[in-house]
Amino acid sequence: MDRSFYLTFDKHVAALLANFKAGKAPPVHARAGRRALQLARACIDSFESGRRVDVETASFAAADPAPVTAPPPSP
């Protein structure tokens, strides 16, 4: 279940909405998504050019650690 994109996405949106309704910050900040997109774009550029691509990291804020939860019970 945790490896299915759609189920994972649904869980994330549920947590996001719960935090917004409670007046809290989102569980994963948009900065983390922006950073992932920058790195993915650099990977594509590197592959296409065959060269190493530098990525500016000064604006990368440290992400909050993800909460660790127990795995689901085995069927």
PDB file of N, CA and C in Angstrom:
ATOM      1  N   MET A   1       0.817  -1.183   0.000  1.00  0.00           N
ATOM      2  CA  MET A   1       0.000   0.000   0.000  1.00  0.00           C
ATOM      3  C   MET A   1       0.866   1.253   0.000  1.00  0.00           C
ATOM      4  N   ASP A   2       1.926   1.297   0.801  1.00  0.00           N
ATOM      5  CA  ASP A   2       2.766   2.486   0.894  1.00  0.00           C
ATOM      6  C   ASP A   2       3.615   2.709  -0.353  1.00  0.00           C
ATOM      7  N   ARG A   3       3.637   1.759  -1.255  1.00  0.00           N
ATOM      8  CA  ARG A   3       4.445   1.918  -2.463  1.00  0.00           C
ATOM      9  C   ARG A   3       3.610   2.352  -3.665  1.00  0.00           C
ATOM     10  N   SER A   4       2.316   2.414  -3.508  1.00  0.00           N
ATOM     11  CA  SER A   4       1.446   2.858  -4.586  1.00  0.00           C
ATOM     12  C   SER A   4       1.400   4.379  -4.577  1.00  0.00           C
ATOM     13  N   PHE A   5       1.716   5.007  -5.707  1.00  0.00           N
ATOM     14  CA  PHE A   5       1.745   6.465  -5.769  1.00  0.00           C
ATOM     15  C   PHE A   5       0.407   7.050  -5.340  1.00  0.00           C
ATOM     16  N   TYR A   6      -0.685   6.520  -5.870  1.00  0.00           N
ATOM     17  CA  TYR A   6      -1.993   7.106  -5.604  1.00  0.00           C
ATOM     18  C   TYR A   6      -2.377   6.996  -4.134  1.00  0.00           C
ATOM     19  N   LEU A   7      -2.099   5.852  -3.503  1.00  0.00           N
ATOM     20  CA  LEU A   7      -2.421   5.706  -2.085  1.00  0.00           C
ATOM     21  C   LEU A   7      -1.526   6.602  -1.231  1.00  0.00           C
ATOM     22  N   THR A   8      -0.251   6.700  -1.599  1.00  0.00           N
ATOM     23  CA  THR A   8       0.667   7.573  -0.868  1.00  0.00           C
ATOM     24  C   THR A   8       0.226   9.023  -1.019  1.00  0.00           C
ATOM     25  N   PHE A   9      -0.156   9.404  -2.234  1.00  0.00           N
ATOM     26  CA  PHE A   9      -0.598  10.765  -2.490  1.00  0.00           C
ATOM     27  C   PHE A   9      -1.860  11.076  -1.679  1.00  0.00           C
ATOM     28  N   ASP A  10      -2.802  10.139  -1.640  1.00  0.00           N
ATOM     29  CA  ASP A  10      -4.018  10.332  -0.852  1.00  0.00           C
ATOM     30  C   ASP A  10      -3.689  10.532   0.624  1.00  0.00           C
ATOM     31  N   LYS A  11      -2.747   9.748   1.149  1.00  0.00           N
ATOM     32  CA  LYS A  11      -2.348   9.891   2.548  1.00  0.00           C
ATOM     33  C   LYS A  11      -1.724  11.260   2.794  1.00  0.00           C
ATOM     34  N   HIS A  12      -0.904  11.704   1.841  1.00  0.00           N
ATOM     35  CA  HIS A  12      -0.258  13.008   1.993  1.00  0.00           C
ATOM     36  C   HIS A  12      -1.294  14.132   1.971  1.00  0.00           C
ATOM     37  N   VAL A  13      -2.231  14.084   1.034  1.00  0.00           N
ATOM     38  CA  VAL A  13      -3.263  15.129   0.944  1.00  0.00           C
ATOM     39  C   VAL A  13      -4.118  15.131   2.211  1.00  0.00           C
ATOM     40  N   ALA A  14      -4.440  13.970   2.731  1.00  0.00           N
ATOM     41  CA  ALA A  14      -5.222  13.893   3.969  1.00  0.00           C
ATOM     42  C   ALA A  14      -4.461  14.556   5.121  1.00  0.00           C
ATOM     43  N   ALA A  15      -3.152  14.278   5.229  1.00  0.00           N
ATOM     44  CA  ALA A  15      -2.339  14.894   6.284  1.00  0.00           C
ATOM     45  C   ALA A  15      -2.213  16.397   6.056  1.00  0.00           C
ATOM     46  N   LEU A  16      -2.064  16.792   4.812  1.00  0.00           N
ATOM     47  CA  LEU A  16      -1.961  18.209   4.465  1.00  0.00           C
ATOM     48  C   LEU A  16      -3.223  18.959   4.880  1.00  0.00           C
ATOM     49  N   LEU A  17      -4.388  18.428   4.504  1.00  0.00           N
ATOM     50  CA  LEU A  17      -5.650  19.082   4.842  1.00  0.00           C
ATOM     51  C   LEU A  17      -5.884  19.104   6.352  1.00  0.00           C
ATOM     52  N   ALA A  18      -5.535  18.028   7.032  1.00  0.00           N
ATOM     53  CA  ALA A  18      -5.691  17.987   8.490  1.00  0.00           C
ATOM     54  C   ALA A  18      -4.843  19.070   9.143  1.00  0.00           C
ATOM     55  N   ASN A  19      -3.605  19.245   8.669  1.00  0.00           N
ATOM     56  CA  ASN A  19      -2.744  20.279   9.234  1.00  0.00           C
ATOM     57  C   ASN A  19      -3.291  21.672   8.948  1.00  0.00           C
ATOM     58  N   PHE A  20      -3.759  21.906   7.731  1.00  0.00           N
ATOM     59  CA  PHE A  20      -4.308  23.213   7.386  1.00  0.00           C
ATOM     60  C   PHE A  20      -5.533  23.535   8.248  1.00  0.00           C
ATOM     61  N   LYS A  21      -6.400  22.543   8.437  1.00  0.00           N
ATOM     62  CA  LYS A  21      -7.593  22.758   9.251  1.00  0.00           C
ATOM     63  C   LYS A  21      -7.231  23.050  10.701  1.00  0.00           C
ATOM     64  N   ALA A  22      -6.118  22.473  11.170  1.00  0.00           N
ATOM     65  CA  ALA A  22      -5.668  22.692  12.548  1.00  0.00           C
ATOM     66  C   ALA A  22      -4.784  23.933  12.669  1.00  0.00           C
ATOM     67  N   GLY A  23      -4.563  24.640  11.565  1.00  0.00           N
ATOM     68  CA  GLY A  23      -3.737  25.845  11.604  1.00  0.00           C
ATOM     69  C   GLY A  23      -2.257  25.561  11.712  1.00  0.00           C
ATOM     70  N   LYS A  24      -1.848  24.366  11.315  1.00  0.00           N
ATOM     71  CA  LYS A  24      -0.433  23.969  11.387  1.00  0.00           C
ATOM     72  C   LYS A  24       0.215  24.053  10.015  1.00  0.00           C
ATOM     73  N   ALA A  25       1.527  23.962  10.013  1.00  0.00           N
ATOM     74  CA  ALA A  25       2.288  23.942   8.756  1.00  0.00           C
ATOM     75  C   ALA A  25       2.059  22.611   8.044  1.00  0.00           C
ATOM     76  N   PRO A  26       2.227  22.581   6.720  1.00  0.00           N
ATOM     77  CA  PRO A  26       2.067  21.313   5.999  1.00  0.00           C
ATOM     78  C   PRO A  26       3.117  20.300   6.445  1.00  0.00           C
ATOM     79  N   PRO A  27       2.820  18.996   6.342  1.00  0.00           N
ATOM     80  CA  PRO A  27       3.777  17.981   6.787  1.00  0.00           C
ATOM     81  C   PRO A  27       5.077  18.005   5.978  1.00  0.00           C
ATOM     82  N   VAL A  28       5.001  18.380   4.726  1.00  0.00           N
ATOM     83  CA  VAL A  28       6.190  18.528   3.888  1.00  0.00           C
ATOM     84  C   VAL A  28       6.089  19.895   3.243  1.00  0.00           C
ATOM     85  N   HIS A  29       7.082  20.741   3.478  1.00  0.00           N
ATOM     86  CA  HIS A  29       7.036  22.101   2.952  1.00  0.00           C
ATOM     87  C   HIS A  29       7.256  22.101   1.441  1.00  0.00           C
ATOM     88  N   ALA A  30       6.733  23.093   0.783  1.00  0.00           N
ATOM     89  CA  ALA A  30       6.886  23.222  -0.669  1.00  0.00           C
ATOM     90  C   ALA A  30       8.348  23.335  -1.075  1.00  0.00           C
ATOM     91  N   ARG A  31       9.202  23.816  -0.163  1.00  0.00           N
ATOM     92  CA  ARG A  31      10.645  23.912  -0.468  1.00  0.00           C
ATOM     93  C   ARG A  31      11.224  22.548  -0.836  1.00  0.00           C
ATOM     94  N   ALA A  32      10.735  21.502  -0.162  1.00  0.00           N
ATOM     95  CA  ALA A  32      11.249  20.159  -0.455  1.00  0.00           C
ATOM     96  C   ALA A  32      10.870  19.743  -1.869  1.00  0.00           C
ATOM     97  N   GLY A  33       9.666  20.077  -2.299  1.00  0.00           N
ATOM     98  CA  GLY A  33       9.247  19.767  -3.665  1.00  0.00           C
ATOM     99  C   GLY A  33      10.045  20.558  -4.689  1.00  0.00           C
ATOM    100  N   ARG A  34      10.281  21.830  -4.391  1.00  0.00           N
ATOM    101  CA  ARG A  34      11.070  22.670  -5.299  1.00  0.00           C
ATOM    102  C   ARG A  34      12.485  22.116  -5.435  1.00  0.00           C
ATOM    103  N   ARG A  35      13.055  21.718  -4.314  1.00  0.00           N
ATOM    104  CA  ARG A  35      14.410  21.150  -4.323  1.00  0.00           C
ATOM    105  C   ARG A  35      14.444  19.869  -5.157  1.00  0.00           C
ATOM    106  N   ALA A  36      13.434  19.023  -5.001  1.00  0.00           N
ATOM    107  CA  ALA A  36      13.379  17.777  -5.772  1.00  0.00           C
ATOM    108  C   ALA A  36      13.278  18.072  -7.268  1.00  0.00           C
ATOM    109  N   LEU A  37      12.475  19.073  -7.628  1.00  0.00           N
ATOM    110  CA  LEU A  37      12.354  19.433  -9.046  1.00  0.00           C
ATOM    111  C   LEU A  37      13.662  19.995  -9.603  1.00  0.00           C
ATOM    112  N   GLN A  38      14.362  20.804  -8.815  1.00  0.00           N
ATOM    113  CA  GLN A  38      15.651  21.339  -9.262  1.00  0.00           C
ATOM    114  C   GLN A  38      16.655  20.208  -9.497  1.00  0.00           C
ATOM    115  N   LEU A  39      16.677  19.256  -8.586  1.00  0.00           N
ATOM    116  CA  LEU A  39      17.606  18.133  -8.734  1.00  0.00           C
ATOM    117  C   LEU A  39      17.239  17.251  -9.917  1.00  0.00           C
ATOM    118  N   ALA A  40      15.933  17.024 -10.105  1.00  0.00           N
ATOM    119  CA  ALA A  40      15.487  16.218 -11.244  1.00  0.00           C
ATOM    120  C   ALA A  40      15.853  16.905 -12.561  1.00  0.00           C
ATOM    121  N   ARG A  41      15.654  18.221 -12.635  1.00  0.00           N
ATOM    122  CA  ARG A  41      15.995  18.966 -13.853  1.00  0.00           C
ATOM    123  C   ARG A  41      17.500  18.896 -14.114  1.00  0.00           C
ATOM    124  N   ALA A  42      18.296  18.986 -13.066  1.00  0.00           N
ATOM    125  CA  ALA A  42      19.743  18.887 -13.219  1.00  0.00           C
ATOM    126  C   ALA A  42      20.145  17.498 -13.718  1.00  0.00           C
ATOM    127  N   CYS A  43      19.463  16.460 -13.246  1.00  0.00           N
ATOM    128  CA  CYS A  43      19.740  15.097 -13.716  1.00  0.00           C
ATOM    129  C   CYS A  43      19.438  14.965 -15.207  1.00  0.00           C
ATOM    130  N   ILE A  44      18.312  15.516 -15.619  1.00  0.00           N
ATOM    131  CA  ILE A  44      17.941  15.467 -17.042  1.00  0.00           C
ATOM    132  C   ILE A  44      18.953  16.224 -17.882  1.00  0.00           C
ATOM    133  N   ASP A  45      19.306  17.446 -17.437  1.00  0.00           N
ATOM    134  CA  ASP A  45      20.286  18.250 -18.179  1.00  0.00           C
ATOM    135  C   ASP A  45      21.627  17.532 -18.275  1.00  0.00           C
ATOM    136  N   SER A  46      22.036  16.881 -17.188  1.00  0.00           N
ATOM    137  CA  SER A  46      23.295  16.157 -17.172  1.00  0.00           C
ATOM    138  C   SER A  46      23.262  14.993 -18.157  1.00  0.00           C
ATOM    139  N   PHE A  47      22.162  14.246 -18.146  1.00  0.00           N
ATOM    140  CA  PHE A  47      22.028  13.118 -19.058  1.00  0.00           C
ATOM    141  C   PHE A  47      22.066  13.580 -20.511  1.00  0.00           C
ATOM    142  N   GLU A  48      21.319  14.637 -20.803  1.00  0.00           N
ATOM    143  CA  GLU A  48      21.241  15.123 -22.179  1.00  0.00           C
ATOM    144  C   GLU A  48      22.564  15.702 -22.678  1.00  0.00           C
ATOM    145  N   SER A  49      23.300  16.347 -21.787  1.00  0.00           N
ATOM    146  CA  SER A  49      24.558  16.978 -22.204  1.00  0.00           C
ATOM    147  C   SER A  49      25.754  16.051 -22.048  1.00  0.00           C
ATOM    148  N   GLY A  50      25.599  15.001 -21.219  1.00  0.00           N
ATOM    149  CA  GLY A  50      26.722  14.108 -20.954  1.00  0.00           C
ATOM    150  C   GLY A  50      27.762  14.725 -20.024  1.00  0.00           C
ATOM    151  N   ARG A  51      27.370  15.790 -19.344  1.00  0.00           N
ATOM    152  CA  ARG A  51      28.297  16.476 -18.438  1.00  0.00           C
ATOM    153  C   ARG A  51      27.670  16.644 -17.059  1.00  0.00           C
ATOM    154  N   ARG A  52      28.527  16.904 -16.093  1.00  0.00           N
ATOM    155  CA  ARG A  52      28.075  17.189 -14.741  1.00  0.00           C
ATOM    156  C   ARG A  52      27.395  18.552 -14.723  1.00  0.00           C
ATOM    157  N   VAL A  53      26.305  18.657 -13.979  1.00  0.00           N
ATOM    158  CA  VAL A  53      25.576  19.919 -13.865  1.00  0.00           C
ATOM    159  C   VAL A  53      25.597  20.341 -12.404  1.00  0.00           C
ATOM    160  N   ASP A  54      26.053  21.560 -12.164  1.00  0.00           N
ATOM    161  CA  ASP A  54      26.059  22.095 -10.803  1.00  0.00           C
ATOM    162  C   ASP A  54      24.658  22.542 -10.415  1.00  0.00           C
ATOM    163  N   VAL A  55      24.315  22.308  -9.169  1.00  0.00           N
ATOM    164  CA  VAL A  55      23.024  22.735  -8.639  1.00  0.00           C
ATOM    165  C   VAL A  55      23.290  23.664  -7.471  1.00  0.00           C
ATOM    166  N   GLU A  56      22.686  24.845  -7.527  1.00  0.00           N
ATOM    167  CA  GLU A  56      22.832  25.812  -6.439  1.00  0.00           C
ATOM    168  C   GLU A  56      22.115  25.249  -5.217  1.00  0.00           C
ATOM    169  N   THR A  57      22.826  25.170  -4.112  1.00  0.00           N
ATOM    170  CA  THR A  57      22.222  24.572  -2.919  1.00  0.00           C
ATOM    171  C   THR A  57      22.137  25.535  -1.742  1.00  0.00           C
ATOM    172  N   ALA A  58      22.575  26.776  -1.937  1.00  0.00           N
ATOM    173  CA  ALA A  58      22.560  27.728  -0.826  1.00  0.00           C
ATOM    174  C   ALA A  58      21.144  27.974  -0.316  1.00  0.00           C
ATOM    175  N   SER A  59      20.153  27.905  -1.210  1.00  0.00           N
ATOM    176  CA  SER A  59      18.771  28.172  -0.797  1.00  0.00           C
ATOM    177  C   SER A  59      18.076  26.930  -0.251  1.00  0.00           C
ATOM    178  N   PHE A  60      18.742  25.788  -0.251  1.00  0.00           N
ATOM    179  CA  PHE A  60      18.132  24.557   0.251  1.00  0.00           C
ATOM    180  C   PHE A  60      18.114  24.606   1.780  1.00  0.00           C
ATOM    181  N   ALA A  61      16.949  24.761   2.337  1.00  0.00           N
ATOM    182  CA  ALA A  61      16.825  24.725   3.790  1.00  0.00           C
ATOM    183  C   ALA A  61      16.745  23.263   4.218  1.00  0.00           C
ATOM    184  N   ALA A  62      17.260  23.001   5.378  1.00  0.00           N
ATOM    185  CA  ALA A  62      17.194  21.630   5.884  1.00  0.00           C
ATOM    186  C   ALA A  62      15.734  21.238   6.070  1.00  0.00           C
ATOM    187  N   ALA A  63      15.386  20.078   5.584  1.00  0.00           N
ATOM    188  CA  ALA A  63      14.014  19.590   5.703  1.00  0.00           C
ATOM    189  C   ALA A  63      13.802  18.993   7.091  1.00  0.00           C
ATOM    190  N   ASP A  64      12.586  19.108   7.572  1.00  0.00           N
ATOM    191  CA  ASP A  64      12.245  18.453   8.829  1.00  0.00           C
ATOM    192  C   ASP A  64      12.289  16.946   8.611  1.00  0.00           C
ATOM    193  N   PRO A  65      12.747  16.205   9.608  1.00  0.00           N
ATOM    194  CA  PRO A  65      12.774  14.751   9.431  1.00  0.00           C
ATOM    195  C   PRO A  65      11.357  14.198   9.294  1.00  0.00           C
ATOM    196  N   ALA A  66      11.226  13.209   8.451  1.00  0.00           N
ATOM    197  CA  ALA A  66       9.923  12.570   8.259  1.00  0.00           C
ATOM    198  C   ALA A  66       9.560  11.768   9.494  1.00  0.00           C
ATOM    199  N   PRO A  67       8.291  11.761   9.859  1.00  0.00           N
ATOM    200  CA  PRO A  67       7.905  10.958  11.021  1.00  0.00           C
ATOM    201  C   PRO A  67       8.067   9.473  10.713  1.00  0.00           C
ATOM    202  N   VAL A  68       8.509   8.737  11.690  1.00  0.00           N
ATOM    203  CA  VAL A  68       8.693   7.295  11.521  1.00  0.00           C
ATOM    204  C   VAL A  68       7.479   6.603  12.129  1.00  0.00           C
ATOM    205  N   THR A  69       6.818   5.821  11.320  1.00  0.00           N
ATOM    206  CA  THR A  69       5.640   5.089  11.809  1.00  0.00           C
ATOM    207  C   THR A  69       5.878   3.598  11.651  1.00  0.00           C
ATOM    208  N   ALA A  70       5.133   2.841  12.383  1.00  0.00           N
ATOM    209  CA  ALA A  70       5.259   1.387  12.309  1.00  0.00           C
ATOM    210  C   ALA A  70       4.741   0.905  10.955  1.00  0.00           C
ATOM    211  N   PRO A  71       5.339  -0.137  10.415  1.00  0.00           N
ATOM    212  CA  PRO A  71       4.847  -0.662   9.140  1.00  0.00           C
ATOM    213  C   PRO A  71       3.467  -1.285   9.322  1.00  0.00           C
ATOM    214  N   PRO A  72       2.705  -1.359   8.243  1.00  0.00           N
ATOM    215  CA  PRO A  72       1.380  -1.970   8.372  1.00  0.00           C
ATOM    216  C   PRO A  72       1.512  -3.455   8.688  1.00  0.00           C
ATOM    217  N   PRO A  73       0.497  -4.047   9.297  1.00  0.00           N
ATOM    218  CA  PRO A  73       0.580  -5.477   9.617  1.00  0.00           C
ATOM    219  C   PRO A  73       0.665  -6.304   8.338  1.00  0.00           C
ATOM    220  N   SER A  74       1.371  -7.395   8.444  1.00  0.00           N
ATOM    221  CA  SER A  74       1.517  -8.307   7.305  1.00  0.00           C
ATOM    222  C   SER A  74       0.231  -9.094   7.110  1.00  0.00           C
ATOM    223  N   PRO A  75      -0.193  -9.257   5.846  1.00  0.00           N
ATOM    224  CA  PRO A  75      -1.445 -10.015   5.634  1.00  0.00           C
ATOM    225  C   PRO A  75      -1.318 -11.477   5.946  1.00  0.00           C
TER     226      PRO A  75
END
